[in-house]
C-alpha cells in the first residue's frame, strides 16, 4: 500500500465521540481508533451500536474521519 500524502503529527491515537440527541440525552459513546484506510488515506473509523434512551430502540452508527489531502497521488 502506498504511503499517505500526509499525516497529522499532532493527531491523537483515538477519538472519543459522545452521541446526544437534541434534548441533550446521551445515547452512547463511541471510540474511533486511528486507521490507515485501504485507499491510502489516514484518519479514524468506528462502528457502534447505540440505544435511544426514550424508546429502547437500537441503532447502528458508522463514522469515518479522513485527513483531507492524505490520499496518495495515483
PDB file of N, CA and C in Angstrom:
ATOM      1  N   UNK A   1       0.851  -1.179   0.000  1.00  0.00           N
ATOM      2  CA  UNK A   1       0.000   0.000   0.000  1.00  0.00           C
ATOM      3  C   UNK A   1       0.892   1.236   0.000  1.00  0.00           C
ATOM      4  N   UNK A   2       0.569   2.230  -0.818  1.00  0.00           N
ATOM      5  CA  UNK A   2       1.397   3.445  -0.859  1.00  0.00           C
ATOM      6  C   UNK A   2       1.276   4.255   0.425  1.00  0.00           C
ATOM      7  N   UNK A   3       2.316   5.021   0.716  1.00  0.00           N
ATOM      8  CA  UNK A   3       2.321   5.900   1.891  1.00  0.00           C
ATOM      9  C   UNK A   3       1.327   7.040   1.695  1.00  0.00           C
ATOM     10  N   UNK A   4       0.651   7.462   2.776  1.00  0.00           N
ATOM     11  CA  UNK A   4      -0.250   8.614   2.669  1.00  0.00           C
ATOM     12  C   UNK A   4       0.517   9.863   2.227  1.00  0.00           C
ATOM     13  N   UNK A   5      -0.184  10.760   1.553  1.00  0.00           N
ATOM     14  CA  UNK A   5       0.435  12.001   1.094  1.00  0.00           C
ATOM     15  C   UNK A   5       0.852  12.878   2.274  1.00  0.00           C
ATOM     16  N   UNK A   6       0.120  12.760   3.382  1.00  0.00           N
ATOM     17  CA  UNK A   6       0.499  13.476   4.598  1.00  0.00           C
ATOM     18  C   UNK A   6      -0.128  12.797   5.796  1.00  0.00           C
ATOM     19  N   UNK A   7       0.416  13.087   6.970  1.00  0.00           N
ATOM     20  CA  UNK A   7      -0.115  12.637   8.252  1.00  0.00           C
ATOM     21  C   UNK A   7      -0.140  13.845   9.183  1.00  0.00           C
ATOM     22  N   UNK A   8      -0.979  13.785  10.194  1.00  0.00           N
ATOM     23  CA  UNK A   8      -1.060  14.843  11.192  1.00  0.00           C
ATOM     24  C   UNK A   8      -0.221  14.413  12.387  1.00  0.00           C
ATOM     25  N   UNK A   9       0.919  15.057  12.582  1.00  0.00           N
ATOM     26  CA  UNK A   9       1.829  14.687  13.670  1.00  0.00           C
ATOM     27  C   UNK A   9       1.200  14.902  15.045  1.00  0.00           C
ATOM     28  N   UNK A  10       0.178  15.728  15.134  1.00  0.00           N
ATOM     29  CA  UNK A  10      -0.466  16.016  16.415  1.00  0.00           C
ATOM     30  C   UNK A  10      -1.783  15.264  16.603  1.00  0.00           C
ATOM     31  N   UNK A  11      -2.075  14.312  15.745  1.00  0.00           N
ATOM     32  CA  UNK A  11      -3.323  13.551  15.843  1.00  0.00           C
ATOM     33  C   UNK A  11      -3.250  12.582  17.021  1.00  0.00           C
ATOM     34  N   UNK A  12      -4.330  12.470  17.790  1.00  0.00           N
ATOM     35  CA  UNK A  12      -4.337  11.517  18.902  1.00  0.00           C
ATOM     36  C   UNK A  12      -4.463  10.081  18.405  1.00  0.00           C
ATOM     37  N   UNK A  13      -4.287   9.141  19.304  1.00  0.00           N
ATOM     38  CA  UNK A  13      -4.373   7.721  18.971  1.00  0.00           C
ATOM     39  C   UNK A  13      -5.816   7.304  18.704  1.00  0.00           C
ATOM     40  N   UNK A  14      -6.767   7.967  19.368  1.00  0.00           N
ATOM     41  CA  UNK A  14      -8.177   7.672  19.150  1.00  0.00           C
ATOM     42  C   UNK A  14      -9.007   8.922  19.441  1.00  0.00           C
ATOM     43  N   UNK A  15     -10.259   8.907  18.967  1.00  0.00           N
ATOM     44  CA  UNK A  15     -11.236   9.951  19.271  1.00  0.00           C
ATOM     45  C   UNK A  15     -12.346   9.319  20.092  1.00  0.00           C
ATOM     46  N   UNK A  16     -12.833  10.026  21.098  1.00  0.00           N
ATOM     47  CA  UNK A  16     -13.992   9.583  21.864  1.00  0.00           C
ATOM     48  C   UNK A  16     -15.158  10.467  21.455  1.00  0.00           C
ATOM     49  N   UNK A  17     -16.209   9.849  20.955  1.00  0.00           N
ATOM     50  CA  UNK A  17     -17.348  10.584  20.406  1.00  0.00           C
ATOM     51  C   UNK A  17     -18.573  10.315  21.278  1.00  0.00           C
ATOM     52  N   UNK A  18     -19.185  11.374  21.785  1.00  0.00           N
ATOM     53  CA  UNK A  18     -20.412  11.250  22.563  1.00  0.00           C
ATOM     54  C   UNK A  18     -21.590  11.538  21.644  1.00  0.00           C
ATOM     55  N   UNK A  19     -22.572  10.652  21.655  1.00  0.00           N
ATOM     56  CA  UNK A  19     -23.740  10.780  20.792  1.00  0.00           C
ATOM     57  C   UNK A  19     -24.903  11.262  21.657  1.00  0.00           C
ATOM     58  N   UNK A  20     -25.410  12.469  21.333  1.00  0.00           N
ATOM     59  CA  UNK A  20     -26.507  13.067  22.096  1.00  0.00           C
ATOM     60  C   UNK A  20     -27.654  13.403  21.149  1.00  0.00           C
ATOM     61  N   UNK A  21     -28.855  13.413  21.710  1.00  0.00           N
ATOM     62  CA  UNK A  21     -29.989  13.860  20.908  1.00  0.00           C
ATOM     63  C   UNK A  21     -30.214  15.354  21.119  1.00  0.00           C
ATOM     64  N   UNK A  22     -31.217  15.904  20.470  1.00  0.00           N
ATOM     65  CA  UNK A  22     -31.463  17.349  20.526  1.00  0.00           C
ATOM     66  C   UNK A  22     -31.886  17.831  21.915  1.00  0.00           C
ATOM     67  N   UNK A  23     -32.295  16.902  22.790  1.00  0.00           N
ATOM     68  CA  UNK A  23     -32.646  17.252  24.169  1.00  0.00           C
ATOM     69  C   UNK A  23     -31.450  17.145  25.110  1.00  0.00           C
ATOM     70  N   UNK A  24     -30.300  16.724  24.581  1.00  0.00           N
ATOM     71  CA  UNK A  24     -29.103  16.574  25.404  1.00  0.00           C
ATOM     72  C   UNK A  24     -28.958  15.212  26.049  1.00  0.00           C
ATOM     73  N   UNK A  25     -29.906  14.291  25.777  1.00  0.00           N
ATOM     74  CA  UNK A  25     -29.815  12.932  26.320  1.00  0.00           C
ATOM     75  C   UNK A  25     -28.704  12.176  25.599  1.00  0.00           C
ATOM     76  N   UNK A  26     -27.846  11.534  26.369  1.00  0.00           N
ATOM     77  CA  UNK A  26     -26.736  10.774  25.787  1.00  0.00           C
ATOM     78  C   UNK A  26     -27.229   9.396  25.348  1.00  0.00           C
ATOM     79  N   UNK A  27     -26.983   9.098  24.086  1.00  0.00           N
ATOM     80  CA  UNK A  27     -27.338   7.798  23.527  1.00  0.00           C
ATOM     81  C   UNK A  27     -26.199   6.799  23.697  1.00  0.00           C
ATOM     82  N   UNK A  28     -24.978   7.302  23.740  1.00  0.00           N
ATOM     83  CA  UNK A  28     -23.832   6.407  23.870  1.00  0.00           C
ATOM     84  C   UNK A  28     -22.543   7.119  23.558  1.00  0.00           C
ATOM     85  N   UNK A  29     -21.469   6.369  23.693  1.00  0.00           N
ATOM     86  CA  UNK A  29     -20.125   6.869  23.404  1.00  0.00           C
ATOM     87  C   UNK A  29     -19.464   5.890  22.447  1.00  0.00           C
ATOM     88  N   UNK A  30     -18.751   6.419  21.482  1.00  0.00           N
ATOM     89  CA  UNK A  30     -18.026   5.588  20.520  1.00  0.00           C
ATOM     90  C   UNK A  30     -16.546   5.949  20.570  1.00  0.00           C
ATOM     91  N   UNK A  31     -15.708   4.949  20.431  1.00  0.00           N
ATOM     92  CA  UNK A  31     -14.262   5.158  20.353  1.00  0.00           C
ATOM     93  C   UNK A  31     -13.843   4.890  18.911  1.00  0.00           C
ATOM     94  N   UNK A  32     -13.202   5.889  18.304  1.00  0.00           N
ATOM     95  CA  UNK A  32     -12.728   5.758  16.920  1.00  0.00           C
ATOM     96  C   UNK A  32     -11.203   5.719  16.934  1.00  0.00           C
ATOM     97  N   UNK A  33     -10.603   4.543  16.792  1.00  0.00           N
ATOM     98  CA  UNK A  33      -9.144   4.468  16.745  1.00  0.00           C
ATOM     99  C   UNK A  33      -8.602   4.997  15.413  1.00  0.00           C
ATOM    100  N   UNK A  34      -7.356   5.418  15.435  1.00  0.00           N
ATOM    101  CA  UNK A  34      -6.686   5.858  14.207  1.00  0.00           C
ATOM    102  C   UNK A  34      -6.676   4.700  13.206  1.00  0.00           C
ATOM    103  N   UNK A  35      -6.779   5.035  11.929  1.00  0.00           N
ATOM    104  CA  UNK A  35      -6.859   3.992  10.898  1.00  0.00           C
ATOM    105  C   UNK A  35      -6.155   4.434   9.638  1.00  0.00           C
ATOM    106  N   UNK A  36      -5.449   3.500   9.016  1.00  0.00           N
ATOM    107  CA  UNK A  36      -4.934   3.670   7.665  1.00  0.00           C
ATOM    108  C   UNK A  36      -5.938   2.971   6.752  1.00  0.00           C
ATOM    109  N   UNK A  37      -6.650   3.739   5.950  1.00  0.00           N
ATOM    110  CA  UNK A  37      -7.684   3.184   5.076  1.00  0.00           C
ATOM    111  C   UNK A  37      -7.065   2.489   3.871  1.00  0.00           C
ATOM    112  N   UNK A  38      -7.817   1.593   3.255  1.00  0.00           N
ATOM    113  CA  UNK A  38      -7.315   0.838   2.099  1.00  0.00           C
ATOM    114  C   UNK A  38      -7.035   1.744   0.903  1.00  0.00           C
ATOM    115  N   UNK A  39      -7.620   2.945   0.888  1.00  0.00           N
ATOM    116  CA  UNK A  39      -7.388   3.898  -0.195  1.00  0.00           C
ATOM    117  C   UNK A  39      -6.024   4.577  -0.080  1.00  0.00           C
ATOM    118  N   UNK A  40      -5.375   4.405   1.087  1.00  0.00           N
ATOM    119  CA  UNK A  40      -4.108   5.078   1.343  1.00  0.00           C
ATOM    120  C   UNK A  40      -4.274   6.302   2.225  1.00  0.00           C
ATOM    121  N   UNK A  41      -5.515   6.785   2.400  1.00  0.00           N
ATOM    122  CA  UNK A  41      -5.787   7.910   3.294  1.00  0.00           C
ATOM    123  C   UNK A  41      -5.641   7.462   4.741  1.00  0.00           C
ATOM    124  N   UNK A  42      -5.512   8.437   5.636  1.00  0.00           N
ATOM    125  CA  UNK A  42      -5.457   8.142   7.062  1.00  0.00           C
ATOM    126  C   UNK A  42      -6.548   8.917   7.787  1.00  0.00           C
ATOM    127  N   UNK A  43      -6.918   8.450   8.964  1.00  0.00           N
ATOM    128  CA  UNK A  43      -7.930   9.129   9.757  1.00  0.00           C
ATOM    129  C   UNK A  43      -8.382   8.250  10.896  1.00  0.00           C
ATOM    130  N   UNK A  44      -9.692   8.228  11.133  1.00  0.00           N
ATOM    131  CA  UNK A  44     -10.291   7.478  12.230  1.00  0.00           C
ATOM    132  C   UNK A  44     -11.549   6.793  11.722  1.00  0.00           C
ATOM    133  N   UNK A  45     -11.892   5.662  12.352  1.00  0.00           N
ATOM    134  CA  UNK A  45     -13.101   4.949  11.963  1.00  0.00           C
ATOM    135  C   UNK A  45     -13.671   4.217  13.168  1.00  0.00           C
ATOM    136  N   UNK A  46     -14.994   4.192  13.263  1.00  0.00           N
ATOM    137  CA  UNK A  46     -15.651   3.349  14.261  1.00  0.00           C
ATOM    138  C   UNK A  46     -17.026   2.942  13.747  1.00  0.00           C
ATOM    139  N   UNK A  47     -17.504   1.851  14.285  1.00  0.00           N
ATOM    140  CA  UNK A  47     -18.851   1.367  14.025  1.00  0.00           C
ATOM    141  C   UNK A  47     -19.380   0.863  15.360  1.00  0.00           C
ATOM    142  N   UNK A  48     -20.460   1.453  15.828  1.00  0.00           N
ATOM    143  CA  UNK A  48     -21.010   1.127  17.141  1.00  0.00           C
ATOM    144  C   UNK A  48     -22.519   0.957  17.056  1.00  0.00           C
ATOM    145  N   UNK A  49     -23.046   0.259  18.035  1.00  0.00           N
ATOM    146  CA  UNK A  49     -24.495   0.188  18.212  1.00  0.00           C
ATOM    147  C   UNK A  49     -24.831   1.051  19.424  1.00  0.00           C
ATOM    148  N   UNK A  50     -25.966   1.733  19.362  1.00  0.00           N
ATOM    149  CA  UNK A  50     -26.392   2.588  20.450  1.00  0.00           C
ATOM    150  C   UNK A  50     -27.894   2.433  20.643  1.00  0.00           C
ATOM    151  N   UNK A  51     -28.388   2.928  21.767  1.00  0.00           N
ATOM    152  CA  UNK A  51     -29.795   2.754  22.121  1.00  0.00           C
ATOM    153  C   UNK A  51     -30.442   4.113  22.374  1.00  0.00           C
ATOM    154  N   UNK A  52     -31.628   4.310  21.805  1.00  0.00           N
ATOM    155  CA  UNK A  52     -32.403   5.502  22.094  1.00  0.00           C
ATOM    156  C   UNK A  52     -32.902   5.363  23.535  1.00  0.00           C
ATOM    157  N   UNK A  53     -32.477   6.245  24.449  1.00  0.00           N
ATOM    158  CA  UNK A  53     -32.871   6.092  25.852  1.00  0.00           C
ATOM    159  C   UNK A  53     -34.370   6.279  26.087  1.00  0.00           C
ATOM    160  N   UNK A  54     -35.081   6.903  25.157  1.00  0.00           N
ATOM    161  CA  UNK A  54     -36.521   7.127  25.331  1.00  0.00           C
ATOM    162  C   UNK A  54     -37.366   5.941  24.861  1.00  0.00           C
ATOM    163  N   UNK A  55     -36.897   5.238  23.824  1.00  0.00           N
ATOM    164  CA  UNK A  55     -37.704   4.153  23.254  1.00  0.00           C
ATOM    165  C   UNK A  55     -37.059   2.773  23.371  1.00  0.00           C
ATOM    166  N   UNK A  56     -35.785   2.732  23.730  1.00  0.00           N
ATOM    167  CA  UNK A  56     -35.005   1.487  23.810  1.00  0.00           C
ATOM    168  C   UNK A  56     -34.760   0.866  22.434  1.00  0.00           C
ATOM    169  N   UNK A  57     -35.080   1.583  21.355  1.00  0.00           N
ATOM    170  CA  UNK A  57     -34.772   1.088  20.005  1.00  0.00           C
ATOM    171  C   UNK A  57     -33.268   1.175  19.782  1.00  0.00           C
ATOM    172  N   UNK A  58     -32.724   0.173  19.081  1.00  0.00           N
ATOM    173  CA  UNK A  58     -31.279   0.119  18.815  1.00  0.00           C
ATOM    174  C   UNK A  58     -30.967   0.677  17.434  1.00  0.00           C
ATOM    175  N   UNK A  59     -29.834   1.347  17.361  1.00  0.00           N
ATOM    176  CA  UNK A  59     -29.335   1.933  16.116  1.00  0.00           C
ATOM    177  C   UNK A  59     -27.892   1.514  15.919  1.00  0.00           C
ATOM    178  N   UNK A  60     -27.483   1.470  14.652  1.00  0.00           N
ATOM    179  CA  UNK A  60     -26.085   1.234  14.334  1.00  0.00           C
ATOM    180  C   UNK A  60     -25.535   2.486  13.680  1.00  0.00           C
ATOM    181  N   UNK A  61     -24.328   2.858  14.075  1.00  0.00           N
ATOM    182  CA  UNK A  61     -23.704   4.082  13.576  1.00  0.00           C
ATOM    183  C   UNK A  61     -22.298   3.759  13.085  1.00  0.00           C
ATOM    184  N   UNK A  62     -21.950   4.258  11.906  1.00  0.00           N
ATOM    185  CA  UNK A  62     -20.591   4.138  11.386  1.00  0.00           C
ATOM    186  C   UNK A  62     -20.087   5.536  11.086  1.00  0.00           C
ATOM    187  N   UNK A  63     -18.887   5.828  11.561  1.00  0.00           N
ATOM    188  CA  UNK A  63     -18.296   7.146  11.371  1.00  0.00           C
ATOM    189  C   UNK A  63     -16.890   7.004  10.826  1.00  0.00           C
ATOM    190  N   UNK A  64     -16.552   7.838   9.865  1.00  0.00           N
ATOM    191  CA  UNK A  64     -15.165   7.899   9.408  1.00  0.00           C
ATOM    192  C   UNK A  64     -14.736   9.358   9.361  1.00  0.00           C
ATOM    193  N   UNK A  65     -13.535   9.591   9.800  1.00  0.00           N
ATOM    194  CA  UNK A  65     -12.917  10.914   9.786  1.00  0.00           C
ATOM    195  C   UNK A  65     -11.642  10.758   8.973  1.00  0.00           C
ATOM    196  N   UNK A  66     -11.579  11.404   7.825  1.00  0.00           N
ATOM    197  CA  UNK A  66     -10.441  11.260   6.933  1.00  0.00           C
ATOM    198  C   UNK A  66      -9.665  12.564   6.878  1.00  0.00           C
ATOM    199  N   UNK A  67      -8.353  12.460   7.044  1.00  0.00           N
ATOM    200  CA  UNK A  67      -7.491  13.639   6.948  1.00  0.00           C
ATOM    201  C   UNK A  67      -7.494  14.124   5.496  1.00  0.00           C
ATOM    202  N   UNK A  68      -7.983  15.333   5.295  1.00  0.00           N
ATOM    203  CA  UNK A  68      -8.066  15.906   3.951  1.00  0.00           C
ATOM    204  C   UNK A  68      -6.657  16.045   3.379  1.00  0.00           C
ATOM    205  N   UNK A  69      -6.475  15.542   2.172  1.00  0.00           N
ATOM    206  CA  UNK A  69      -5.182  15.624   1.495  1.00  0.00           C
ATOM    207  C   UNK A  69      -4.243  14.477   1.811  1.00  0.00           C
ATOM    208  N   UNK A  70      -4.728  13.467   2.562  1.00  0.00           N
ATOM    209  CA  UNK A  70      -3.826  12.355   2.923  1.00  0.00           C
ATOM    210  C   UNK A  70      -3.803  11.240   1.880  1.00  0.00           C
ATOM    211  N   UNK A  71      -4.762  11.252   0.966  1.00  0.00           N
ATOM    212  CA  UNK A  71      -4.784  10.196  -0.058  1.00  0.00           C
ATOM    213  C   UNK A  71      -3.575  10.351  -0.974  1.00  0.00           C
ATOM    214  N   UNK A  72      -2.804   9.281  -1.161  1.00  0.00           N
ATOM    215  CA  UNK A  72      -1.621   9.375  -2.019  1.00  0.00           C
ATOM    216  C   UNK A  72      -1.999   9.635  -3.482  1.00  0.00           C
ATOM    217  N   UNK A  73      -1.140  10.318  -4.212  1.00  0.00           N
ATOM    218  CA  UNK A  73      -1.424  10.530  -5.636  1.00  0.00           C
ATOM    219  C   UNK A  73      -1.364   9.212  -6.391  1.00  0.00           C
ATOM    220  N   UNK A  74      -2.089   9.160  -7.504  1.00  0.00           N
ATOM    221  CA  UNK A  74      -2.115   7.928  -8.322  1.00  0.00           C
ATOM    222  C   UNK A  74      -0.869   7.791  -9.139  1.00  0.00           C
TER     223      UNK A  74
END
